[in-house]
PDB file of N, CA and C in Angstrom:
ATOM      1  N   MET A   1     -40.524   5.247 -86.456  1.00  0.00           N
ATOM      2  CA  MET A   1     -41.174   4.291 -87.326  1.00  0.00           C
ATOM      3  C   MET A   1     -40.986   2.893 -86.727  1.00  0.00           C
ATOM      4  N   HIS A   2     -42.102   2.178 -86.510  1.00  0.00           N
ATOM      5  CA  HIS A   2     -42.055   0.849 -85.908  1.00  0.00           C
ATOM      6  C   HIS A   2     -42.175  -0.229 -86.979  1.00  0.00           C
ATOM      7  N   THR A   3     -41.303  -1.211 -86.916  1.00  0.00           N
ATOM      8  CA  THR A   3     -41.366  -2.329 -87.858  1.00  0.00           C
ATOM      9  C   THR A   3     -42.728  -3.004 -87.755  1.00  0.00           C
ATOM     10  N   GLY A   4     -43.368  -3.219 -88.887  1.00  0.00           N
ATOM     11  CA  GLY A   4     -44.661  -3.882 -88.925  1.00  0.00           C
ATOM     12  C   GLY A   4     -45.839  -2.934 -88.944  1.00  0.00           C
ATOM     13  N   ALA A   5     -45.595  -1.636 -88.711  1.00  0.00           N
ATOM     14  CA  ALA A   5     -46.687  -0.667 -88.779  1.00  0.00           C
ATOM     15  C   ALA A   5     -47.217  -0.628 -90.205  1.00  0.00           C
ATOM     16  N   VAL A   6     -48.514  -0.384 -90.342  1.00  0.00           N
ATOM     17  CA  VAL A   6     -49.146  -0.354 -91.649  1.00  0.00           C
ATOM     18  C   VAL A   6     -49.727   1.026 -91.879  1.00  0.00           C
ATOM     19  N   GLN A   7     -49.625   1.508 -93.125  1.00  0.00           N
ATOM     20  CA  GLN A   7     -50.205   2.806 -93.458  1.00  0.00           C
ATOM     21  C   GLN A   7     -50.812   2.760 -94.856  1.00  0.00           C
ATOM     22  N   TRP A   8     -51.767   3.649 -95.081  1.00  0.00           N
ATOM     23  CA  TRP A   8     -52.330   3.843 -96.407  1.00  0.00           C
ATOM     24  C   TRP A   8     -51.572   4.982 -97.071  1.00  0.00           C
ATOM     25  N   ASN A   9     -51.008   4.725 -98.231  1.00  0.00           N
ATOM     26  CA  ASN A   9     -50.306   5.758 -98.982  1.00  0.00           C
ATOM     27  C   ASN A   9     -51.303   6.321 -99.997  1.00  0.00           C
ATOM     28  N   GLY A  10     -51.813   7.519 -99.690  1.00  0.00           N
ATOM     29  CA  GLY A  10     -52.811   8.138-100.557  1.00  0.00           C
ATOM     30  C   GLY A  10     -52.267   8.532-101.910  1.00  0.00           C
ATOM     31  N   ASN A  11     -50.986   8.853-101.997  1.00  0.00           N
ATOM     32  CA  ASN A  11     -50.386   9.227-103.282  1.00  0.00           C
ATOM     33  C   ASN A  11     -50.323   8.031-104.230  1.00  0.00           C
ATOM     34  N   ASN A  12     -49.882   6.882-103.701  1.00  0.00           N
ATOM     35  CA  ASN A  12     -49.764   5.665-104.518  1.00  0.00           C
ATOM     36  C   ASN A  12     -51.018   4.798-104.466  1.00  0.00           C
ATOM     37  N   ARG A  13     -51.950   5.173-103.575  1.00  0.00           N
ATOM     38  CA  ARG A  13     -53.199   4.422-103.380  1.00  0.00           C
ATOM     39  C   ARG A  13     -52.918   2.940-103.112  1.00  0.00           C
ATOM     40  N   CYS A  14     -52.106   2.699-102.058  1.00  0.00           N
ATOM     41  CA  CYS A  14     -51.774   1.331-101.686  1.00  0.00           C
ATOM     42  C   CYS A  14     -51.465   1.261-100.197  1.00  0.00           C
ATOM     43  N   LEU A  15     -51.511   0.050 -99.669  1.00  0.00           N
ATOM     44  CA  LEU A  15     -51.081  -0.184 -98.294  1.00  0.00           C
ATOM     45  C   LEU A  15     -49.580  -0.403 -98.281  1.00  0.00           C
ATOM     46  N   GLU A  16     -48.956   0.096 -97.219  1.00  0.00           N
ATOM     47  CA  GLU A  16     -47.522  -0.081 -97.050  1.00  0.00           C
ATOM     48  C   GLU A  16     -47.255  -0.564 -95.628  1.00  0.00           C
ATOM     49  N   VAL A  17     -46.174  -1.314 -95.462  1.00  0.00           N
ATOM     50  CA  VAL A  17     -45.755  -1.794 -94.158  1.00  0.00           C
ATOM     51  C   VAL A  17     -44.352  -1.267 -93.877  1.00  0.00           C
ATOM     52  N   SER A  18     -44.121  -0.904 -92.609  1.00  0.00           N
ATOM     53  CA  SER A  18     -42.824  -0.359 -92.226  1.00  0.00           C
ATOM     54  C   SER A  18     -41.805  -1.479 -92.056  1.00  0.00           C
ATOM     55  N   THR A  19     -40.631  -1.266 -92.611  1.00  0.00           N
ATOM     56  CA  THR A  19     -39.519  -2.209 -92.436  1.00  0.00           C
ATOM     57  C   THR A  19     -38.625  -1.786 -91.275  1.00  0.00           C
ATOM     58  N   GLY A  20     -38.966  -0.662 -90.667  1.00  0.00           N
ATOM     59  CA  GLY A  20     -38.136  -0.105 -89.608  1.00  0.00           C
ATOM     60  C   GLY A  20     -37.256   1.018 -90.116  1.00  0.00           C
ATOM     61  N   SER A  21     -36.900   0.937 -91.393  1.00  0.00           N
ATOM     62  CA  SER A  21     -36.072   1.992 -91.979  1.00  0.00           C
ATOM     63  C   SER A  21     -36.737   2.631 -93.199  1.00  0.00           C
ATOM     64  N   GLY A  22     -37.887   2.135 -93.582  1.00  0.00           N
ATOM     65  CA  GLY A  22     -38.603   2.672 -94.736  1.00  0.00           C
ATOM     66  C   GLY A  22     -39.949   1.989 -94.878  1.00  0.00           C
ATOM     67  N   TRP A  23     -40.634   2.312 -95.963  1.00  0.00           N
ATOM     68  CA  TRP A  23     -41.962   1.732 -96.201  1.00  0.00           C
ATOM     69  C   TRP A  23     -41.905   0.828 -97.419  1.00  0.00           C
ATOM     70  N   MET A  24     -42.527  -0.363 -97.310  1.00  0.00           N
ATOM     71  CA  MET A  24     -42.572  -1.323 -98.399  1.00  0.00           C
ATOM     72  C   MET A  24     -44.021  -1.508 -98.821  1.00  0.00           C
ATOM     73  N   ARG A  25     -44.270  -1.387-100.101  1.00  0.00           N
ATOM     74  CA  ARG A  25     -45.621  -1.544-100.637  1.00  0.00           C
ATOM     75  C   ARG A  25     -46.076  -2.991-100.469  1.00  0.00           C
ATOM     76  N   LEU A  26     -47.325  -3.177-100.002  1.00  0.00           N
ATOM     77  CA  LEU A  26     -47.872  -4.522 -99.867  1.00  0.00           C
ATOM     78  C   LEU A  26     -48.429  -4.979-101.204  1.00  0.00           C
ATOM     79  N   ASP A  27     -48.170  -6.208-101.529  1.00  0.00           N
ATOM     80  CA  ASP A  27     -48.700  -6.799-102.754  1.00  0.00           C
ATOM     81  C   ASP A  27     -50.218  -6.912-102.619  1.00  0.00           C
ATOM     82  N   PRO A  28     -50.972  -6.429-103.602  1.00  0.00           N
ATOM     83  CA  PRO A  28     -52.432  -6.501-103.494  1.00  0.00           C
ATOM     84  C   PRO A  28     -52.965  -7.925-103.593  1.00  0.00           C
ATOM     85  N   ASN A  29     -52.151  -8.861-104.038  1.00  0.00           N
ATOM     86  CA  ASN A  29     -52.558 -10.263-104.136  1.00  0.00           C
ATOM     87  C   ASN A  29     -51.981 -11.027-102.964  1.00  0.00           C
ATOM     88  N   ILE A  30     -52.715 -11.040-101.866  1.00  0.00           N
ATOM     89  CA  ILE A  30     -52.247 -11.670-100.639  1.00  0.00           C
ATOM     90  C   ILE A  30     -52.690 -13.126-100.631  1.00  0.00           C
ATOM     91  N   SER A  31     -51.785 -14.001-100.237  1.00  0.00           N
ATOM     92  CA  SER A  31     -52.134 -15.408-100.087  1.00  0.00           C
ATOM     93  C   SER A  31     -51.828 -15.828 -98.651  1.00  0.00           C
ATOM     94  N   LEU A  32     -52.616 -16.748 -98.148  1.00  0.00           N
ATOM     95  CA  LEU A  32     -52.435 -17.239 -96.790  1.00  0.00           C
ATOM     96  C   LEU A  32     -52.091 -18.717 -96.833  1.00  0.00           C
ATOM     97  N   ASP A  33     -51.162 -19.116 -95.993  1.00  0.00           N
ATOM     98  CA  ASP A  33     -50.852 -20.532 -95.870  1.00  0.00           C
ATOM     99  C   ASP A  33     -51.923 -21.183 -95.016  1.00  0.00           C
ATOM    100  N   THR A  34     -52.248 -22.410 -95.330  1.00  0.00           N
ATOM    101  CA  THR A  34     -53.240 -23.135 -94.547  1.00  0.00           C
ATOM    102  C   THR A  34     -52.663 -24.475 -94.113  1.00  0.00           C
ATOM    103  N   THR A  35     -53.272 -25.010 -93.085  1.00  0.00           N
ATOM    104  CA  THR A  35     -52.913 -26.344 -92.629  1.00  0.00           C
ATOM    105  C   THR A  35     -53.906 -27.323 -93.243  1.00  0.00           C
ATOM    106  N   PRO A  36     -53.588 -28.610 -93.223  1.00  0.00           N
ATOM    107  CA  PRO A  36     -54.558 -29.594 -93.729  1.00  0.00           C
ATOM    108  C   PRO A  36     -55.906 -29.509 -92.994  1.00  0.00           C
ATOM    109  N   ASP A  37     -55.876 -29.209 -91.690  1.00  0.00           N
ATOM    110  CA  ASP A  37     -57.127 -29.093 -90.939  1.00  0.00           C
ATOM    111  C   ASP A  37     -57.968 -27.920 -91.420  1.00  0.00           C
ATOM    112  N   ILE A  38     -57.316 -26.789 -91.711  1.00  0.00           N
ATOM    113  CA  ILE A  38     -58.053 -25.625 -92.205  1.00  0.00           C
ATOM    114  C   ILE A  38     -58.639 -25.931 -93.580  1.00  0.00           C
ATOM    115  N   THR A  39     -57.883 -26.609 -94.409  1.00  0.00           N
ATOM    116  CA  THR A  39     -58.374 -26.988 -95.736  1.00  0.00           C
ATOM    117  C   THR A  39     -59.602 -27.882 -95.614  1.00  0.00           C
ATOM    118  N   LYS A  40     -59.543 -28.865 -94.712  1.00  0.00           N
ATOM    119  CA  LYS A  40     -60.686 -29.749 -94.489  1.00  0.00           C
ATOM    120  C   LYS A  40     -61.889 -28.969 -93.974  1.00  0.00           C
ATOM    121  N   LEU A  41     -61.642 -28.036 -93.067  1.00  0.00           N
ATOM    122  CA  LEU A  41     -62.714 -27.231 -92.509  1.00  0.00           C
ATOM    123  C   LEU A  41     -63.398 -26.398 -93.590  1.00  0.00           C
ATOM    124  N   ILE A  42     -62.612 -25.798 -94.460  1.00  0.00           N
ATOM    125  CA  ILE A  42     -63.169 -24.996 -95.551  1.00  0.00           C
ATOM    126  C   ILE A  42     -63.971 -25.880 -96.504  1.00  0.00           C
ATOM    127  N   GLN A  43     -63.450 -27.051 -96.811  1.00  0.00           N
ATOM    128  CA  GLN A  43     -64.182 -27.980 -97.682  1.00  0.00           C
ATOM    129  C   GLN A  43     -65.499 -28.396 -97.039  1.00  0.00           C
ATOM    130  N   TRP A  44     -65.473 -28.705 -95.741  1.00  0.00           N
ATOM    131  CA  TRP A  44     -66.686 -29.093 -95.013  1.00  0.00           C
ATOM    132  C   TRP A  44     -67.704 -27.959 -95.047  1.00  0.00           C
ATOM    133  N   ALA A  45     -67.239 -26.718 -94.788  1.00  0.00           N
ATOM    134  CA  ALA A  45     -68.137 -25.562 -94.782  1.00  0.00           C
ATOM    135  C   ALA A  45     -68.757 -25.354 -96.159  1.00  0.00           C
ATOM    136  N   ASN A  46     -67.968 -25.538 -97.202  1.00  0.00           N
ATOM    137  CA  ASN A  46     -68.508 -25.394 -98.558  1.00  0.00           C
ATOM    138  C   ASN A  46     -69.585 -26.430 -98.846  1.00  0.00           C
ATOM    139  N   VAL A  47     -69.364 -27.667 -98.410  1.00  0.00           N
ATOM    140  CA  VAL A  47     -70.367 -28.723 -98.598  1.00  0.00           C
ATOM    141  C   VAL A  47     -71.645 -28.371 -97.838  1.00  0.00           C
ATOM    142  N   LYS A  48     -71.503 -27.928 -96.583  1.00  0.00           N
ATOM    143  CA  LYS A  48     -72.669 -27.572 -95.770  1.00  0.00           C
ATOM    144  C   LYS A  48     -73.442 -26.406 -96.381  1.00  0.00           C
ATOM    145  N   MET A  49     -72.727 -25.398 -96.888  1.00  0.00           N
ATOM    146  CA  MET A  49     -73.406 -24.264 -97.515  1.00  0.00           C
ATOM    147  C   MET A  49     -74.164 -24.699 -98.768  1.00  0.00           C
ATOM    148  N   GLN A  50     -73.564 -25.600 -99.549  1.00  0.00           N
ATOM    149  CA  GLN A  50     -74.234 -26.119-100.741  1.00  0.00           C
ATOM    150  C   GLN A  50     -75.490 -26.896-100.352  1.00  0.00           C
ATOM    151  N   GLU A  51     -75.378 -27.729 -99.313  1.00  0.00           N
ATOM    152  CA  GLU A  51     -76.540 -28.483 -98.840  1.00  0.00           C
ATOM    153  C   GLU A  51     -77.660 -27.549 -98.395  1.00  0.00           C
ATOM    154  N   GLU A  52     -77.303 -26.492 -97.669  1.00  0.00           N
ATOM    155  CA  GLU A  52     -78.304 -25.527 -97.213  1.00  0.00           C
ATOM    156  C   GLU A  52     -78.982 -24.833 -98.385  1.00  0.00           C
ATOM    157  N   GLN A  53     -78.211 -24.477 -99.399  1.00  0.00           N
ATOM    158  CA  GLN A  53     -78.792 -23.834-100.576  1.00  0.00           C
ATOM    159  C   GLN A  53     -79.751 -24.774-101.295  1.00  0.00           C
ATOM    160  N   GLU A  54     -79.369 -26.043-101.404  1.00  0.00           N
ATOM    161  CA  GLU A  54     -80.226 -27.021-102.065  1.00  0.00           C
ATOM    162  C   GLU A  54     -81.515 -27.229-101.277  1.00  0.00           C
ATOM    163  N   LEU A  55     -81.410 -27.325 -99.945  1.00  0.00           N
ATOM    164  CA  LEU A  55     -82.606 -27.490 -99.124  1.00  0.00           C
ATOM    165  C   LEU A  55     -83.506 -26.267 -99.203  1.00  0.00           C
ATOM    166  N   LYS A  56     -82.908 -25.092 -99.214  1.00  0.00           N
ATOM    167  CA  LYS A  56     -83.697 -23.864 -99.326  1.00  0.00           C
ATOM    168  C   LYS A  56     -84.462 -23.832-100.645  1.00  0.00           C
ATOM    169  N   ALA A  57     -83.792 -24.237-101.723  1.00  0.00           N
ATOM    170  CA  ALA A  57     -84.463 -24.286-103.025  1.00  0.00           C
ATOM    171  C   ALA A  57     -85.601 -25.292-103.017  1.00  0.00           C
ATOM    172  N   LEU A  58     -85.369 -26.447-102.400  1.00  0.00           N
ATOM    173  CA  LEU A  58     -86.441 -27.449-102.303  1.00  0.00           C
ATOM    174  C   LEU A  58     -87.591 -26.938-101.458  1.00  0.00           C
ATOM    175  N   ALA A  59     -87.271 -26.235-100.373  1.00  0.00           N
ATOM    176  CA  ALA A  59     -88.311 -25.713 -99.483  1.00  0.00           C
ATOM    177  C   ALA A  59     -89.169 -24.662-100.192  1.00  0.00           C
ATOM    178  N   GLU A  60     -88.553 -23.898-101.071  1.00  0.00           N
ATOM    179  CA  GLU A  60     -89.314 -22.910-101.826  1.00  0.00           C
ATOM    180  C   GLU A  60     -90.240 -23.583-102.826  1.00  0.00           C
ATOM    181  N   LYS A  61     -89.838 -24.749-103.298  1.00  0.00           N
ATOM    182  CA  LYS A  61     -90.616 -25.462-104.320  1.00  0.00           C
ATOM    183  C   LYS A  61     -91.660 -26.398-103.707  1.00  0.00           C
ATOM    184  N   TYR A  62     -91.317 -27.018-102.565  1.00  0.00           N
ATOM    185  CA  TYR A  62     -92.190 -28.026-101.966  1.00  0.00           C
ATOM    186  C   TYR A  62     -92.510 -27.660-100.524  1.00  0.00           C
ATOM    187  N   SER A  63     -93.790 -27.520-100.226  1.00  0.00           N
ATOM    188  CA  SER A  63     -94.215 -27.133 -98.878  1.00  0.00           C
ATOM    189  C   SER A  63     -93.871 -28.208 -97.852  1.00  0.00           C
ATOM    190  N   THR A  64     -93.869 -29.469 -98.260  1.00  0.00           N
ATOM    191  CA  THR A  64     -93.534 -30.550 -97.330  1.00  0.00           C
ATOM    192  C   THR A  64     -92.097 -30.404 -96.834  1.00  0.00           C
ATOM    193  N   VAL A  65     -91.184 -30.083 -97.737  1.00  0.00           N
ATOM    194  CA  VAL A  65     -89.785 -29.882 -97.340  1.00  0.00           C
ATOM    195  C   VAL A  65     -89.694 -28.681 -96.411  1.00  0.00           C
ATOM    196  N   ARG A  66     -90.412 -27.603 -96.728  1.00  0.00           N
ATOM    197  CA  ARG A  66     -90.412 -26.407 -95.873  1.00  0.00           C
ATOM    198  C   ARG A  66     -90.915 -26.759 -94.474  1.00  0.00           C
ATOM    199  N   ASP A  67     -91.996 -27.540 -94.408  1.00  0.00           N
ATOM    200  CA  ASP A  67     -92.544 -27.941 -93.102  1.00  0.00           C
ATOM    201  C   ASP A  67     -91.542 -28.792 -92.323  1.00  0.00           C
ATOM    202  N   LEU A  68     -90.866 -29.692 -93.009  1.00  0.00           N
ATOM    203  CA  LEU A  68     -89.875 -30.545 -92.336  1.00  0.00           C
ATOM    204  C   LEU A  68     -88.702 -29.719 -91.811  1.00  0.00           C
ATOM    205  N   LEU A  69     -88.254 -28.760 -92.602  1.00  0.00           N
ATOM    206  CA  LEU A  69     -87.158 -27.906 -92.137  1.00  0.00           C
ATOM    207  C   LEU A  69     -87.593 -27.070 -90.941  1.00  0.00           C
ATOM    208  N   ASN A  70     -88.835 -26.606 -90.934  1.00  0.00           N
ATOM    209  CA  ASN A  70     -89.352 -25.876 -89.770  1.00  0.00           C
ATOM    210  C   ASN A  70     -89.411 -26.781 -88.549  1.00  0.00           C
ATOM    211  N   THR A  71     -89.771 -28.036 -88.753  1.00  0.00           N
ATOM    212  CA  THR A  71     -89.806 -29.006 -87.648  1.00  0.00           C
ATOM    213  C   THR A  71     -88.401 -29.212 -87.084  1.00  0.00           C
ATOM    214  N   ILE A  72     -87.413 -29.307 -87.964  1.00  0.00           N
ATOM    215  CA  ILE A  72     -86.022 -29.455 -87.520  1.00  0.00           C
ATOM    216  C   ILE A  72     -85.591 -28.238 -86.719  1.00  0.00           C
ATOM    217  N   ASP A  73     -85.907 -27.033 -87.208  1.00  0.00           N
ATOM    218  CA  ASP A  73     -85.540 -25.806 -86.493  1.00  0.00           C
ATOM    219  C   ASP A  73     -86.189 -25.754 -85.112  1.00  0.00           C
ATOM    220  N   THR A  74     -87.463 -26.154 -85.038  1.00  0.00           N
ATOM    221  CA  THR A  74     -88.171 -26.178 -83.757  1.00  0.00           C
ATOM    222  C   THR A  74     -87.516 -27.168 -82.802  1.00  0.00           C
ATOM    223  N   ALA A  75     -87.161 -28.352 -83.312  1.00  0.00           N
ATOM    224  CA  ALA A  75     -86.519 -29.367 -82.476  1.00  0.00           C
ATOM    225  C   ALA A  75     -85.164 -28.871 -81.956  1.00  0.00           C
ATOM    226  N   LYS A  76     -84.406 -28.175 -82.804  1.00  0.00           N
ATOM    227  CA  LYS A  76     -83.116 -27.639 -82.363  1.00  0.00           C
ATOM    228  C   LYS A  76     -83.306 -26.626 -81.238  1.00  0.00           C
ATOM    229  N   GLU A  77     -84.312 -25.776 -81.359  1.00  0.00           N
ATOM    230  CA  GLU A  77     -84.598 -24.795 -80.301  1.00  0.00           C
ATOM    231  C   GLU A  77     -85.005 -25.500 -79.007  1.00  0.00           C
ATOM    232  N   GLN A  78     -85.793 -26.555 -79.123  1.00  0.00           N
ATOM    233  CA  GLN A  78     -86.204 -27.307 -77.936  1.00  0.00           C
ATOM    234  C   GLN A  78     -85.008 -27.964 -77.265  1.00  0.00           C
ATOM    235  N   ILE A  79     -84.086 -28.498 -78.056  1.00  0.00           N
ATOM    236  CA  ILE A  79     -82.870 -29.101 -77.496  1.00  0.00           C
ATOM    237  C   ILE A  79     -82.058 -28.053 -76.750  1.00  0.00           C
ATOM    238  N   LYS A  80     -81.934 -26.856 -77.312  1.00  0.00           N
ATOM    239  CA  LYS A  80     -81.217 -25.772 -76.632  1.00  0.00           C
ATOM    240  C   LYS A  80     -81.862 -25.462 -75.286  1.00  0.00           C
ATOM    241  N   MET A  81     -83.186 -25.390 -75.259  1.00  0.00           N
ATOM    242  CA  MET A  81     -83.891 -25.083 -74.011  1.00  0.00           C
ATOM    243  C   MET A  81     -83.658 -26.164 -72.967  1.00  0.00           C
ATOM    244  N   VAL A  82     -83.712 -27.413 -73.387  1.00  0.00           N
ATOM    245  CA  VAL A  82     -83.494 -28.521 -72.456  1.00  0.00           C
ATOM    246  C   VAL A  82     -82.075 -28.465 -71.904  1.00  0.00           C
ATOM    247  N   ARG A  83     -81.104 -28.190 -72.756  1.00  0.00           N
ATOM    248  CA  ARG A  83     -79.706 -28.093 -72.296  1.00  0.00           C
ATOM    249  C   ARG A  83     -79.543 -26.965 -71.287  1.00  0.00           C
ATOM    250  N   ILE A  84     -80.154 -25.814 -71.576  1.00  0.00           N
ATOM    251  CA  ILE A  84     -80.058 -24.678 -70.653  1.00  0.00           C
ATOM    252  C   ILE A  84     -80.678 -25.041 -69.314  1.00  0.00           C
ATOM    253  N   LEU A  85     -81.841 -25.681 -69.337  1.00  0.00           N
ATOM    254  CA  LEU A  85     -82.503 -26.082 -68.090  1.00  0.00           C
ATOM    255  C   LEU A  85     -81.661 -27.093 -67.324  1.00  0.00           C
ATOM    256  N   GLN A  86     -81.087 -28.065 -68.027  1.00  0.00           N
ATOM    257  CA  GLN A  86     -80.249 -29.067 -67.360  1.00  0.00           C
ATOM    258  C   GLN A  86     -79.018 -28.425 -66.747  1.00  0.00           C
ATOM    259  N   GLU A  87     -78.382 -27.518 -67.475  1.00  0.00           N
ATOM    260  CA  GLU A  87     -77.193 -26.860 -66.965  1.00  0.00           C
ATOM    261  C   GLU A  87     -77.513 -25.983 -65.757  1.00  0.00           C
ATOM    262  N   SER A  88     -78.681 -25.331 -65.800  1.00  0.00           N
ATOM    263  CA  SER A  88     -79.050 -24.460 -64.677  1.00  0.00           C
ATOM    264  C   SER A  88     -79.397 -25.266 -63.424  1.00  0.00           C
ATOM    265  N   HIS A  89     -79.704 -26.555 -63.592  1.00  0.00           N
ATOM    266  CA  HIS A  89     -80.020 -27.404 -62.461  1.00  0.00           C
ATOM    267  C   HIS A  89     -78.902 -28.392 -62.154  1.00  0.00           C
ATOM    268  N   GLY A  90     -77.722 -28.155 -62.776  1.00  0.00           N
ATOM    269  CA  GLY A  90     -76.560 -28.996 -62.510  1.00  0.00           C
ATOM    270  C   GLY A  90     -76.687 -30.399 -63.035  1.00  0.00           C
ATOM    271  N   GLN A  91     -77.432 -30.588 -64.112  1.00  0.00           N
ATOM    272  CA  GLN A  91     -77.621 -31.930 -64.668  1.00  0.00           C
ATOM    273  C   GLN A  91     -76.977 -32.070 -66.040  1.00  0.00           C
ATOM    274  N   ALA A  92     -75.983 -31.267 -66.326  1.00  0.00           N
ATOM    275  CA  ALA A  92     -75.352 -31.299 -67.666  1.00  0.00           C
ATOM    276  C   ALA A  92     -74.644 -32.593 -67.926  1.00  0.00           C
TER     277      ALA A  92
END
């Protein structure tokens, strides 16, 4: 038995981790520690997802917004192509 090994206990219907001398049931409520940077990143991602949802709703309601978002997507693709061409010609 290796310390840190994980197993599914079908009898108890839970995950267990090896302590090296036995098996310890894992708490089903797992929490993760975060750093301030991770917290900021999650907050930023949540804001961006909310903005995207709002724009999508506007695009469904207003064709002008939909057209503008399509223009932005096209411009992003064009920028990618230009970057690839520059990099392939050593002009990055």
